[in-house]
Amino acid sequence: MDDFDPTEMVARFKERAAAVKKRNLPPVGGDERALFIAQAQTDFQDFAIIGDAEHELVDGVLTLRIDLRPKRGE
């Protein structure tokens, strides 16, 4: 784990969240389309949450701190 960089990991999750937003909708319809859209929304949420995390790596233990409280004015 000497070469593990939590800053790079968090950045990759930010990139994944952005990629989900740019993801093209495949030529599917009906229930399959709804499932694809729902999965994309879940993927974006998960990737964005981790992409916004503060991180700490101490003695081989990675801790992600994620504030889920609404921002003021929301």
N, C-alpha and C. Protein backbone atom coordinates (compact mmCIF):
# COMPACT_ATOMS: atom_id res chain seq x y z
N MET A 1 0.82 -1.20 0.00
CA MET A 1 0.00 0.00 0.00
C MET A 1 0.86 1.26 0.00
N ASP A 2 2.18 1.11 -0.11
CA ASP A 2 3.05 2.28 -0.09
C ASP A 2 2.77 3.23 -1.25
N ASP A 3 2.30 2.70 -2.37
CA ASP A 3 2.05 3.56 -3.52
C ASP A 3 0.60 4.03 -3.62
N PHE A 4 -0.22 3.71 -2.64
CA PHE A 4 -1.62 4.14 -2.64
C PHE A 4 -1.69 5.62 -2.26
N ASP A 5 -2.41 6.39 -3.07
CA ASP A 5 -2.58 7.82 -2.81
C ASP A 5 -4.08 8.11 -2.69
N PRO A 6 -4.56 8.36 -1.48
CA PRO A 6 -6.00 8.60 -1.32
C PRO A 6 -6.48 9.84 -2.06
N THR A 7 -5.61 10.82 -2.24
CA THR A 7 -6.00 12.02 -2.99
C THR A 7 -6.31 11.66 -4.44
N GLU A 8 -5.48 10.80 -5.01
CA GLU A 8 -5.74 10.34 -6.38
C GLU A 8 -7.02 9.51 -6.45
N MET A 9 -7.27 8.68 -5.44
CA MET A 9 -8.49 7.87 -5.43
C MET A 9 -9.73 8.76 -5.41
N VAL A 10 -9.73 9.76 -4.54
CA VAL A 10 -10.87 10.67 -4.45
C VAL A 10 -11.05 11.41 -5.78
N ALA A 11 -9.95 11.81 -6.39
CA ALA A 11 -10.03 12.50 -7.69
C ALA A 11 -10.63 11.59 -8.76
N ARG A 12 -10.29 10.30 -8.72
CA ARG A 12 -10.87 9.36 -9.69
C ARG A 12 -12.38 9.26 -9.52
N PHE A 13 -12.85 9.30 -8.28
CA PHE A 13 -14.30 9.26 -8.06
C PHE A 13 -14.97 10.53 -8.58
N LYS A 14 -14.32 11.68 -8.44
CA LYS A 14 -14.87 12.91 -9.03
C LYS A 14 -14.97 12.78 -10.54
N GLU A 15 -13.92 12.20 -11.15
CA GLU A 15 -13.94 12.00 -12.60
C GLU A 15 -15.05 11.04 -13.00
N ARG A 16 -15.27 10.00 -12.23
CA ARG A 16 -16.34 9.04 -12.53
C ARG A 16 -17.70 9.70 -12.44
N ALA A 17 -17.89 10.56 -11.44
CA ALA A 17 -19.18 11.26 -11.32
C ALA A 17 -19.42 12.12 -12.55
N ALA A 18 -18.38 12.83 -12.99
CA ALA A 18 -18.51 13.67 -14.19
C ALA A 18 -18.79 12.81 -15.42
N ALA A 19 -18.16 11.65 -15.50
CA ALA A 19 -18.37 10.76 -16.66
C ALA A 19 -19.79 10.24 -16.71
N VAL A 20 -20.38 9.97 -15.55
CA VAL A 20 -21.77 9.49 -15.52
C VAL A 20 -22.69 10.57 -16.09
N LYS A 21 -22.42 11.82 -15.75
CA LYS A 21 -23.25 12.92 -16.26
C LYS A 21 -23.17 13.03 -17.79
N LYS A 22 -22.02 12.65 -18.36
CA LYS A 22 -21.83 12.73 -19.81
C LYS A 22 -22.24 11.46 -20.53
N ARG A 23 -22.57 10.42 -19.78
CA ARG A 23 -22.89 9.10 -20.35
C ARG A 23 -24.07 9.20 -21.31
N ASN A 24 -23.90 8.69 -22.51
CA ASN A 24 -24.99 8.67 -23.49
C ASN A 24 -26.01 7.59 -23.13
N LEU A 25 -27.24 7.86 -23.43
CA LEU A 25 -28.30 6.91 -23.19
C LEU A 25 -28.33 5.90 -24.34
N PRO A 26 -28.20 4.62 -24.03
CA PRO A 26 -28.22 3.62 -25.11
C PRO A 26 -29.61 3.55 -25.74
N PRO A 27 -29.69 2.97 -26.92
CA PRO A 27 -30.99 2.89 -27.61
C PRO A 27 -31.89 1.82 -26.98
N VAL A 28 -32.38 2.13 -25.80
CA VAL A 28 -33.31 1.22 -25.12
C VAL A 28 -34.56 2.00 -24.78
N GLY A 29 -35.64 1.29 -24.57
CA GLY A 29 -36.88 1.96 -24.24
C GLY A 29 -37.59 1.28 -23.10
N GLY A 30 -38.66 1.88 -22.67
CA GLY A 30 -39.52 1.31 -21.65
C GLY A 30 -38.82 1.07 -20.33
N ASP A 31 -39.05 -0.13 -19.79
CA ASP A 31 -38.51 -0.48 -18.48
C ASP A 31 -36.98 -0.46 -18.46
N GLU A 32 -36.35 -0.93 -19.54
CA GLU A 32 -34.89 -0.93 -19.60
C GLU A 32 -34.33 0.49 -19.53
N ARG A 33 -35.00 1.41 -20.20
CA ARG A 33 -34.56 2.82 -20.17
C ARG A 33 -34.66 3.37 -18.75
N ALA A 34 -35.77 3.11 -18.09
CA ALA A 34 -35.96 3.59 -16.72
C ALA A 34 -34.91 3.00 -15.78
N LEU A 35 -34.60 1.71 -15.95
CA LEU A 35 -33.58 1.07 -15.12
C LEU A 35 -32.20 1.69 -15.38
N PHE A 36 -31.88 1.95 -16.64
CA PHE A 36 -30.59 2.56 -16.99
C PHE A 36 -30.47 3.95 -16.35
N ILE A 37 -31.52 4.74 -16.45
CA ILE A 37 -31.51 6.09 -15.87
C ILE A 37 -31.38 6.03 -14.36
N ALA A 38 -32.12 5.14 -13.72
CA ALA A 38 -32.04 4.99 -12.27
C ALA A 38 -30.63 4.57 -11.84
N GLN A 39 -30.02 3.66 -12.58
CA GLN A 39 -28.66 3.22 -12.25
C GLN A 39 -27.66 4.36 -12.43
N ALA A 40 -27.84 5.15 -13.47
CA ALA A 40 -26.94 6.29 -13.70
C ALA A 40 -27.06 7.30 -12.55
N GLN A 41 -28.27 7.53 -12.06
CA GLN A 41 -28.46 8.46 -10.95
C GLN A 41 -27.78 7.93 -9.68
N THR A 42 -27.91 6.63 -9.43
CA THR A 42 -27.26 6.02 -8.27
C THR A 42 -25.75 6.07 -8.41
N ASP A 43 -25.24 5.74 -9.60
CA ASP A 43 -23.80 5.80 -9.84
C ASP A 43 -23.26 7.21 -9.59
N PHE A 44 -23.96 8.21 -10.14
CA PHE A 44 -23.52 9.59 -9.96
C PHE A 44 -23.49 9.95 -8.49
N GLN A 45 -24.55 9.63 -7.77
CA GLN A 45 -24.62 9.96 -6.35
C GLN A 45 -23.48 9.32 -5.57
N ASP A 46 -23.26 8.04 -5.79
CA ASP A 46 -22.20 7.32 -5.06
C ASP A 46 -20.82 7.89 -5.39
N PHE A 47 -20.54 8.09 -6.68
CA PHE A 47 -19.24 8.61 -7.07
C PHE A 47 -19.04 10.03 -6.56
N ALA A 48 -20.08 10.87 -6.63
CA ALA A 48 -19.97 12.25 -6.18
C ALA A 48 -19.75 12.33 -4.67
N ILE A 49 -20.43 11.48 -3.91
CA ILE A 49 -20.24 11.49 -2.46
C ILE A 49 -18.79 11.17 -2.11
N ILE A 50 -18.25 10.13 -2.68
CA ILE A 50 -16.86 9.77 -2.38
C ILE A 50 -15.91 10.81 -2.96
N GLY A 51 -16.25 11.37 -4.10
CA GLY A 51 -15.42 12.41 -4.69
C GLY A 51 -15.35 13.68 -3.86
N ASP A 52 -16.33 13.90 -3.00
CA ASP A 52 -16.34 15.07 -2.11
C ASP A 52 -15.76 14.77 -0.73
N ALA A 53 -15.31 13.55 -0.52
CA ALA A 53 -14.84 13.15 0.81
C ALA A 53 -13.51 13.78 1.18
N GLU A 54 -13.37 14.06 2.46
CA GLU A 54 -12.07 14.39 3.02
C GLU A 54 -11.48 13.05 3.44
N HIS A 55 -10.18 12.89 3.29
CA HIS A 55 -9.58 11.59 3.58
C HIS A 55 -8.39 11.72 4.52
N GLU A 56 -8.15 10.60 5.19
CA GLU A 56 -6.98 10.51 6.07
C GLU A 56 -6.50 9.07 6.02
N LEU A 57 -5.22 8.89 5.85
CA LEU A 57 -4.61 7.57 5.83
C LEU A 57 -3.59 7.52 6.97
N VAL A 58 -3.91 6.75 8.01
CA VAL A 58 -3.05 6.66 9.18
C VAL A 58 -2.81 5.19 9.49
N ASP A 59 -1.56 4.80 9.53
CA ASP A 59 -1.18 3.42 9.87
C ASP A 59 -1.92 2.39 9.04
N GLY A 60 -2.09 2.68 7.75
CA GLY A 60 -2.73 1.73 6.85
C GLY A 60 -4.25 1.72 6.91
N VAL A 61 -4.85 2.64 7.67
CA VAL A 61 -6.31 2.71 7.77
C VAL A 61 -6.78 3.98 7.05
N LEU A 62 -7.57 3.79 6.00
CA LEU A 62 -8.12 4.91 5.25
C LEU A 62 -9.46 5.30 5.86
N THR A 63 -9.58 6.57 6.21
CA THR A 63 -10.84 7.09 6.74
C THR A 63 -11.34 8.16 5.79
N LEU A 64 -12.59 8.02 5.35
CA LEU A 64 -13.23 9.03 4.52
C LEU A 64 -14.25 9.76 5.39
N ARG A 65 -14.20 11.06 5.37
CA ARG A 65 -15.15 11.88 6.12
C ARG A 65 -16.04 12.57 5.11
N ILE A 66 -17.33 12.30 5.21
CA ILE A 66 -18.29 12.81 4.23
C ILE A 66 -19.40 13.54 4.98
N ASP A 67 -19.53 14.83 4.74
CA ASP A 67 -20.56 15.64 5.37
C ASP A 67 -21.81 15.60 4.50
N LEU A 68 -22.83 14.92 5.00
CA LEU A 68 -24.08 14.78 4.23
C LEU A 68 -25.14 15.82 4.62
N ARG A 69 -24.75 16.71 5.51
CA ARG A 69 -25.70 17.77 5.90
C ARG A 69 -25.93 18.71 4.73
N PRO A 70 -27.16 19.21 4.58
CA PRO A 70 -27.40 20.15 3.48
C PRO A 70 -26.59 21.43 3.71
N LYS A 71 -26.13 22.00 2.62
CA LYS A 71 -25.43 23.28 2.71
C LYS A 71 -26.42 24.37 3.04
N ARG A 72 -25.92 25.42 3.66
CA ARG A 72 -26.82 26.54 3.99
C ARG A 72 -27.48 27.10 2.74
N GLY A 73 -28.74 27.39 2.85
CA GLY A 73 -29.47 27.94 1.73
C GLY A 73 -30.07 26.91 0.80
N GLU A 74 -29.88 25.62 1.11
CA GLU A 74 -30.47 24.58 0.24
C GLU A 74 -31.76 24.10 0.84
